[in-house]
Amino acid sequence: MIAVINDEETVYNKTTDTIPMNDFAAIDFETANGERSSVCSVGVVVVRGGEVVDTFYSLIQPEPNYYSWFCQRVHGLCHEDTDGADVFPTVWHKIEPLIEGLPLVAHNAMFDEGCLRAVMQVYRMDWPGYVFYDTLRASRRKLKGLPNHQLHTVSEACGYCLENHHHALADAEACAAIALKIL
């Protein structure tokens, strides 16, 4: 299991293979542009006792509120999708009770944690000390024979069929399936 704990610029990696990961929240953000704070959707999958017990998805009005051509091409979201959406603090207020006390898991945790930190900073929200586990790093260590370690490749290797790639909830579901297999 690989935990990535960022404390400002310091990254600490903890590896252990003895404790299965049965309680966690898988999270995925999509961004509107190159700014990490520009989260425009979030997906969360809550796992307790090794079983998915809850899911959450929301569109978010991004900050800054513009869409780059590249990001639109990746996830298909645009202004029309998020102009009426809630801003991040409102959405996060709904997510916080779901993930309370749980470690967070992401595929490429440095990106998702970076998004969460950046958007919390933009809205002057306190960082609550979330611990992130990274299925990308774990897959590189445990699934060495794969042609790449992209989310769709790793999820398939773990027996999960990822449909609708780059939809935040679909990606969080795939991440949860990977975590249950290799963390």
C-alpha atoms as a PDB file:
ATOM      1  CA  MET A   1       0.000   0.000   0.000  1.00  0.00           C
ATOM      2  CA  ILE A   2       1.433   3.402  -0.902  1.00  0.00           C
ATOM      3  CA  ALA A   3       0.371   6.474   0.983  1.00  0.00           C
ATOM      4  CA  VAL A   4       1.289   9.875  -0.360  1.00  0.00           C
ATOM      5  CA  ILE A   5       1.134  12.438   2.367  1.00  0.00           C
ATOM      6  CA  ASN A   6       1.926  15.947   1.209  1.00  0.00           C
ATOM      7  CA  ASP A   7       2.994  18.450   3.798  1.00  0.00           C
ATOM      8  CA  GLU A   8       3.611  21.592   1.759  1.00  0.00           C
ATOM      9  CA  GLU A   9       6.498  20.457  -0.511  1.00  0.00           C
ATOM     10  CA  THR A  10       7.444  17.273   1.350  1.00  0.00           C
ATOM     11  CA  VAL A  11       6.195  13.943   0.019  1.00  0.00           C
ATOM     12  CA  TYR A  12       6.355  10.876   2.244  1.00  0.00           C
ATOM     13  CA  ASN A  13       5.784   7.410   0.828  1.00  0.00           C
ATOM     14  CA  LYS A  14       4.774   4.573   3.132  1.00  0.00           C
ATOM     15  CA  THR A  15       4.708   1.051   1.729  1.00  0.00           C
ATOM     16  CA  THR A  16       3.193  -1.993   3.356  1.00  0.00           C
ATOM     17  CA  ASP A  17       1.711  -5.191   1.952  1.00  0.00           C
ATOM     18  CA  THR A  18       0.209  -6.583   5.141  1.00  0.00           C
ATOM     19  CA  ILE A  19      -2.895  -4.505   5.788  1.00  0.00           C
ATOM     20  CA  PRO A  20      -5.714  -4.684   3.218  1.00  0.00           C
ATOM     21  CA  MET A  21      -7.464  -1.468   2.333  1.00  0.00           C
ATOM     22  CA  ASN A  22     -11.133  -2.065   3.211  1.00  0.00           C
ATOM     23  CA  ASP A  23     -12.315   1.402   4.246  1.00  0.00           C
ATOM     24  CA  PHE A  24     -11.615   4.396   2.007  1.00  0.00           C
ATOM     25  CA  ALA A  25     -13.105   6.927  -0.372  1.00  0.00           C
ATOM     26  CA  ALA A  26     -11.982   6.897  -3.993  1.00  0.00           C
ATOM     27  CA  ILE A  27     -12.077  10.366  -5.518  1.00  0.00           C
ATOM     28  CA  ASP A  28     -11.636  11.815  -8.986  1.00  0.00           C
ATOM     29  CA  PHE A  29     -11.689  15.389 -10.248  1.00  0.00           C
ATOM     30  CA  GLU A  30     -12.022  16.710 -13.772  1.00  0.00           C
ATOM     31  CA  THR A  31     -10.737  20.215 -14.482  1.00  0.00           C
ATOM     32  CA  ALA A  32     -11.944  22.898 -16.874  1.00  0.00           C
ATOM     33  CA  ASN A  33      -8.505  24.189 -17.795  1.00  0.00           C
ATOM     34  CA  GLY A  34      -4.838  23.947 -16.836  1.00  0.00           C
ATOM     35  CA  GLU A  35      -5.410  25.421 -13.376  1.00  0.00           C
ATOM     36  CA  ARG A  36      -5.666  22.753 -10.695  1.00  0.00           C
ATOM     37  CA  SER A  37      -8.300  24.840  -8.910  1.00  0.00           C
ATOM     38  CA  SER A  38     -10.622  24.654 -11.931  1.00  0.00           C
ATOM     39  CA  VAL A  39     -12.432  21.502 -10.817  1.00  0.00           C
ATOM     40  CA  CYS A  40     -15.608  21.172 -12.865  1.00  0.00           C
ATOM     41  CA  SER A  41     -16.769  17.750 -11.660  1.00  0.00           C
ATOM     42  CA  VAL A  42     -16.083  15.352  -8.829  1.00  0.00           C
ATOM     43  CA  GLY A  43     -16.840  11.697  -8.282  1.00  0.00           C
ATOM     44  CA  VAL A  44     -16.577   9.913  -4.932  1.00  0.00           C
ATOM     45  CA  VAL A  45     -16.988   6.218  -4.113  1.00  0.00           C
ATOM     46  CA  VAL A  46     -17.175   5.296  -0.428  1.00  0.00           C
ATOM     47  CA  VAL A  47     -15.962   1.806   0.501  1.00  0.00           C
ATOM     48  CA  ARG A  48     -16.481   0.300   3.955  1.00  0.00           C
ATOM     49  CA  GLY A  49     -15.682  -3.267   4.880  1.00  0.00           C
ATOM     50  CA  GLY A  50     -14.495  -3.884   1.326  1.00  0.00           C
ATOM     51  CA  GLU A  51     -17.913  -3.001  -0.169  1.00  0.00           C
ATOM     52  CA  VAL A  52     -19.099   0.107  -2.010  1.00  0.00           C
ATOM     53  CA  VAL A  53     -21.648   1.708   0.298  1.00  0.00           C
ATOM     54  CA  ASP A  54     -22.158   5.129  -1.302  1.00  0.00           C
ATOM     55  CA  THR A  55     -21.361   7.189  -4.372  1.00  0.00           C
ATOM     56  CA  PHE A  56     -21.508  10.889  -5.110  1.00  0.00           C
ATOM     57  CA  TYR A  57     -21.213  12.902  -8.315  1.00  0.00           C
ATOM     58  CA  SER A  58     -21.572  16.594  -8.958  1.00  0.00           C
ATOM     59  CA  LEU A  59     -20.783  19.171 -11.559  1.00  0.00           C
ATOM     60  CA  ILE A  60     -18.996  22.223 -10.147  1.00  0.00           C
ATOM     61  CA  GLN A  61     -18.756  25.770 -11.429  1.00  0.00           C
ATOM     62  CA  PRO A  62     -14.980  26.001 -12.000  1.00  0.00           C
ATOM     63  CA  GLU A  63     -12.639  28.684 -10.689  1.00  0.00           C
ATOM     64  CA  PRO A  64     -11.291  30.178 -12.855  1.00  0.00           C
ATOM     65  CA  ASN A  65     -14.414  29.760 -14.935  1.00  0.00           C
ATOM     66  CA  TYR A  66     -13.191  29.067 -18.445  1.00  0.00           C
ATOM     67  CA  TYR A  67     -12.729  25.860 -20.426  1.00  0.00           C
ATOM     68  CA  SER A  68      -9.649  24.990 -22.432  1.00  0.00           C
ATOM     69  CA  TRP A  69     -10.100  23.165 -25.711  1.00  0.00           C
ATOM     70  CA  PHE A  70      -7.931  20.285 -24.471  1.00  0.00           C
ATOM     71  CA  CYS A  71      -9.901  19.694 -21.263  1.00  0.00           C
ATOM     72  CA  GLN A  72     -13.213  19.899 -23.098  1.00  0.00           C
ATOM     73  CA  ARG A  73     -11.964  17.279 -25.513  1.00  0.00           C
ATOM     74  CA  VAL A  74     -10.898  14.974 -22.666  1.00  0.00           C
ATOM     75  CA  HIS A  75     -14.106  14.977 -20.588  1.00  0.00           C
ATOM     76  CA  GLY A  76     -16.672  16.647 -22.831  1.00  0.00           C
ATOM     77  CA  LEU A  77     -17.799  19.225 -20.269  1.00  0.00           C
ATOM     78  CA  CYS A  78     -18.297  22.900 -21.147  1.00  0.00           C
ATOM     79  CA  HIS A  79     -19.852  26.111 -19.822  1.00  0.00           C
ATOM     80  CA  GLU A  80     -23.361  24.950 -20.616  1.00  0.00           C
ATOM     81  CA  ASP A  81     -22.847  22.003 -18.254  1.00  0.00           C
ATOM     82  CA  THR A  82     -21.569  23.948 -15.263  1.00  0.00           C
ATOM     83  CA  ASP A  83     -22.917  27.512 -15.493  1.00  0.00           C
ATOM     84  CA  GLY A  84     -25.810  26.590 -13.200  1.00  0.00           C
ATOM     85  CA  ALA A  85     -23.760  24.264 -10.999  1.00  0.00           C
ATOM     86  CA  ASP A  86     -22.836  24.920  -7.378  1.00  0.00           C
ATOM     87  CA  VAL A  87     -19.456  26.391  -6.492  1.00  0.00           C
ATOM     88  CA  PHE A  88     -16.908  24.117  -4.850  1.00  0.00           C
ATOM     89  CA  PRO A  89     -17.561  24.945  -1.152  1.00  0.00           C
ATOM     90  CA  THR A  90     -21.240  24.033  -1.541  1.00  0.00           C
ATOM     91  CA  VAL A  91     -20.377  20.725  -3.215  1.00  0.00           C
ATOM     92  CA  TRP A  92     -17.629  19.916  -0.704  1.00  0.00           C
ATOM     93  CA  HIS A  93     -20.039  20.516   2.167  1.00  0.00           C
ATOM     94  CA  LYS A  94     -22.045  17.562   0.795  1.00  0.00           C
ATOM     95  CA  ILE A  95     -18.945  15.360   0.368  1.00  0.00           C
ATOM     96  CA  GLU A  96     -17.307  15.972   3.764  1.00  0.00           C
ATOM     97  CA  PRO A  97     -19.723  13.849   5.826  1.00  0.00           C
ATOM     98  CA  LEU A  98     -19.408  10.952   3.352  1.00  0.00           C
ATOM     99  CA  ILE A  99     -15.616  10.772   3.614  1.00  0.00           C
ATOM    100  CA  GLU A 100     -15.143  11.724   7.257  1.00  0.00           C
ATOM    101  CA  GLY A 101     -12.412   9.635   8.860  1.00  0.00           C
ATOM    102  CA  LEU A 102     -11.545   7.822   5.623  1.00  0.00           C
ATOM    103  CA  PRO A 103      -8.300   7.894   3.660  1.00  0.00           C
ATOM    104  CA  LEU A 104      -8.708   9.091   0.087  1.00  0.00           C
ATOM    105  CA  VAL A 105      -7.638   7.008  -2.902  1.00  0.00           C
ATOM    106  CA  ALA A 106      -6.972   8.335  -6.394  1.00  0.00           C
ATOM    107  CA  HIS A 107      -5.337   7.114  -9.577  1.00  0.00           C
ATOM    108  CA  ASN A 108      -2.489   9.631  -9.839  1.00  0.00           C
ATOM    109  CA  ALA A 109      -3.110  11.038  -6.385  1.00  0.00           C
ATOM    110  CA  MET A 110      -0.688  13.919  -6.920  1.00  0.00           C
ATOM    111  CA  PHE A 111      -3.134  15.361  -9.483  1.00  0.00           C
ATOM    112  CA  ASP A 112      -6.317  14.883  -7.451  1.00  0.00           C
ATOM    113  CA  GLU A 113      -4.767  15.993  -4.181  1.00  0.00           C
ATOM    114  CA  GLY A 114      -3.283  18.974  -6.011  1.00  0.00           C
ATOM    115  CA  CYS A 115      -6.735  19.880  -7.321  1.00  0.00           C
ATOM    116  CA  LEU A 116      -8.282  19.573  -3.878  1.00  0.00           C
ATOM    117  CA  ARG A 117      -5.571  21.671  -2.236  1.00  0.00           C
ATOM    118  CA  ALA A 118      -5.720  24.330  -4.960  1.00  0.00           C
ATOM    119  CA  VAL A 119      -9.491  24.741  -4.951  1.00  0.00           C
ATOM    120  CA  MET A 120      -9.566  24.812  -1.148  1.00  0.00           C
ATOM    121  CA  GLN A 121      -6.929  27.529  -1.217  1.00  0.00           C
ATOM    122  CA  VAL A 122      -8.899  29.573  -3.771  1.00  0.00           C
ATOM    123  CA  TYR A 123     -11.948  29.477  -1.507  1.00  0.00           C
ATOM    124  CA  ARG A 124      -9.855  29.988   1.667  1.00  0.00           C
ATOM    125  CA  MET A 125     -10.923  26.653   3.103  1.00  0.00           C
ATOM    126  CA  ASP A 126      -8.735  24.950   5.703  1.00  0.00           C
ATOM    127  CA  TRP A 127      -6.873  21.798   4.635  1.00  0.00           C
ATOM    128  CA  PRO A 128      -8.146  19.059   6.980  1.00  0.00           C
ATOM    129  CA  GLY A 129      -5.098  16.788   6.593  1.00  0.00           C
ATOM    130  CA  TYR A 130      -6.490  14.201   4.185  1.00  0.00           C
ATOM    131  CA  VAL A 131      -4.254  11.189   3.563  1.00  0.00           C
ATOM    132  CA  PHE A 132      -4.105  10.069  -0.080  1.00  0.00           C
ATOM    133  CA  TYR A 133      -3.270   6.602  -1.394  1.00  0.00           C
ATOM    134  CA  ASP A 134      -2.223   6.281  -5.015  1.00  0.00           C
ATOM    135  CA  THR A 135      -3.396   3.381  -7.181  1.00  0.00           C
ATOM    136  CA  LEU A 136      -1.170   4.564 -10.042  1.00  0.00           C
ATOM    137  CA  ARG A 137       1.996   4.135  -7.973  1.00  0.00           C
ATOM    138  CA  ALA A 138       0.735   0.878  -6.509  1.00  0.00           C
ATOM    139  CA  SER A 139      -0.062  -0.471  -9.989  1.00  0.00           C
ATOM    140  CA  ARG A 140       3.424   0.365 -11.227  1.00  0.00           C
ATOM    141  CA  ARG A 141       4.845  -1.652  -8.369  1.00  0.00           C
ATOM    142  CA  LYS A 142       2.429  -4.594  -8.398  1.00  0.00           C
ATOM    143  CA  LEU A 143       1.361  -4.896 -12.050  1.00  0.00           C
ATOM    144  CA  LYS A 144       4.672  -4.629 -13.864  1.00  0.00           C
ATOM    145  CA  GLY A 145       3.683  -6.457 -17.050  1.00  0.00           C
ATOM    146  CA  LEU A 146       1.120  -3.914 -18.244  1.00  0.00           C
ATOM    147  CA  PRO A 147       1.769  -1.889 -21.411  1.00  0.00           C
ATOM    148  CA  ASN A 148       0.994   1.282 -19.411  1.00  0.00           C
ATOM    149  CA  HIS A 149      -0.560   2.178 -16.091  1.00  0.00           C
ATOM    150  CA  GLN A 150      -3.368   4.407 -17.272  1.00  0.00           C
ATOM    151  CA  LEU A 151      -6.635   4.077 -15.385  1.00  0.00           C
ATOM    152  CA  HIS A 152      -8.462   2.106 -18.079  1.00  0.00           C
ATOM    153  CA  THR A 153      -5.544  -0.311 -18.515  1.00  0.00           C
ATOM    154  CA  VAL A 154      -5.095  -0.960 -14.792  1.00  0.00           C
ATOM    155  CA  SER A 155      -8.819  -1.294 -14.130  1.00  0.00           C
ATOM    156  CA  GLU A 156      -9.103  -3.875 -16.913  1.00  0.00           C
ATOM    157  CA  ALA A 157      -6.147  -5.792 -15.459  1.00  0.00           C
ATOM    158  CA  CYS A 158      -8.005  -5.810 -12.136  1.00  0.00           C
ATOM    159  CA  GLY A 159     -11.160  -7.200 -13.742  1.00  0.00           C
ATOM    160  CA  TYR A 160     -13.117  -3.956 -13.904  1.00  0.00           C
ATOM    161  CA  CYS A 161     -14.544  -2.647 -17.190  1.00  0.00           C
ATOM    162  CA  LEU A 162     -14.252   1.144 -17.193  1.00  0.00           C
ATOM    163  CA  GLU A 163     -16.943   2.716 -19.313  1.00  0.00           C
ATOM    164  CA  ASN A 164     -17.277   6.469 -19.768  1.00  0.00           C
ATOM    165  CA  HIS A 165     -13.604   7.206 -19.004  1.00  0.00           C
ATOM    166  CA  HIS A 166     -13.014  10.794 -17.799  1.00  0.00           C
ATOM    167  CA  HIS A 167     -16.427  10.999 -16.185  1.00  0.00           C
ATOM    168  CA  ALA A 168     -15.459  11.721 -12.577  1.00  0.00           C
ATOM    169  CA  LEU A 169     -17.753   9.119 -11.005  1.00  0.00           C
ATOM    170  CA  ALA A 170     -16.851   6.406 -13.521  1.00  0.00           C
ATOM    171  CA  ASP A 171     -13.160   7.060 -12.890  1.00  0.00           C
ATOM    172  CA  ALA A 172     -13.671   7.004  -9.104  1.00  0.00           C
ATOM    173  CA  GLU A 173     -15.525   3.678  -9.427  1.00  0.00           C
ATOM    174  CA  ALA A 174     -12.624   2.228 -11.434  1.00  0.00           C
ATOM    175  CA  CYS A 175     -10.152   3.556  -8.881  1.00  0.00           C
ATOM    176  CA  ALA A 176     -12.113   1.925  -6.056  1.00  0.00           C
ATOM    177  CA  ALA A 177     -12.109  -1.405  -7.906  1.00  0.00           C
ATOM    178  CA  ILE A 178      -8.347  -1.168  -8.387  1.00  0.00           C
ATOM    179  CA  ALA A 179      -7.780  -0.233  -4.751  1.00  0.00           C
ATOM    180  CA  LEU A 180      -9.784  -3.210  -3.560  1.00  0.00           C
ATOM    181  CA  LYS A 181      -7.550  -5.488  -5.665  1.00  0.00           C
ATOM    182  CA  ILE A 182      -4.058  -4.078  -5.121  1.00  0.00           C
ATOM    183  CA  LEU A 183      -3.987  -1.848  -2.037  1.00  0.00           C
END
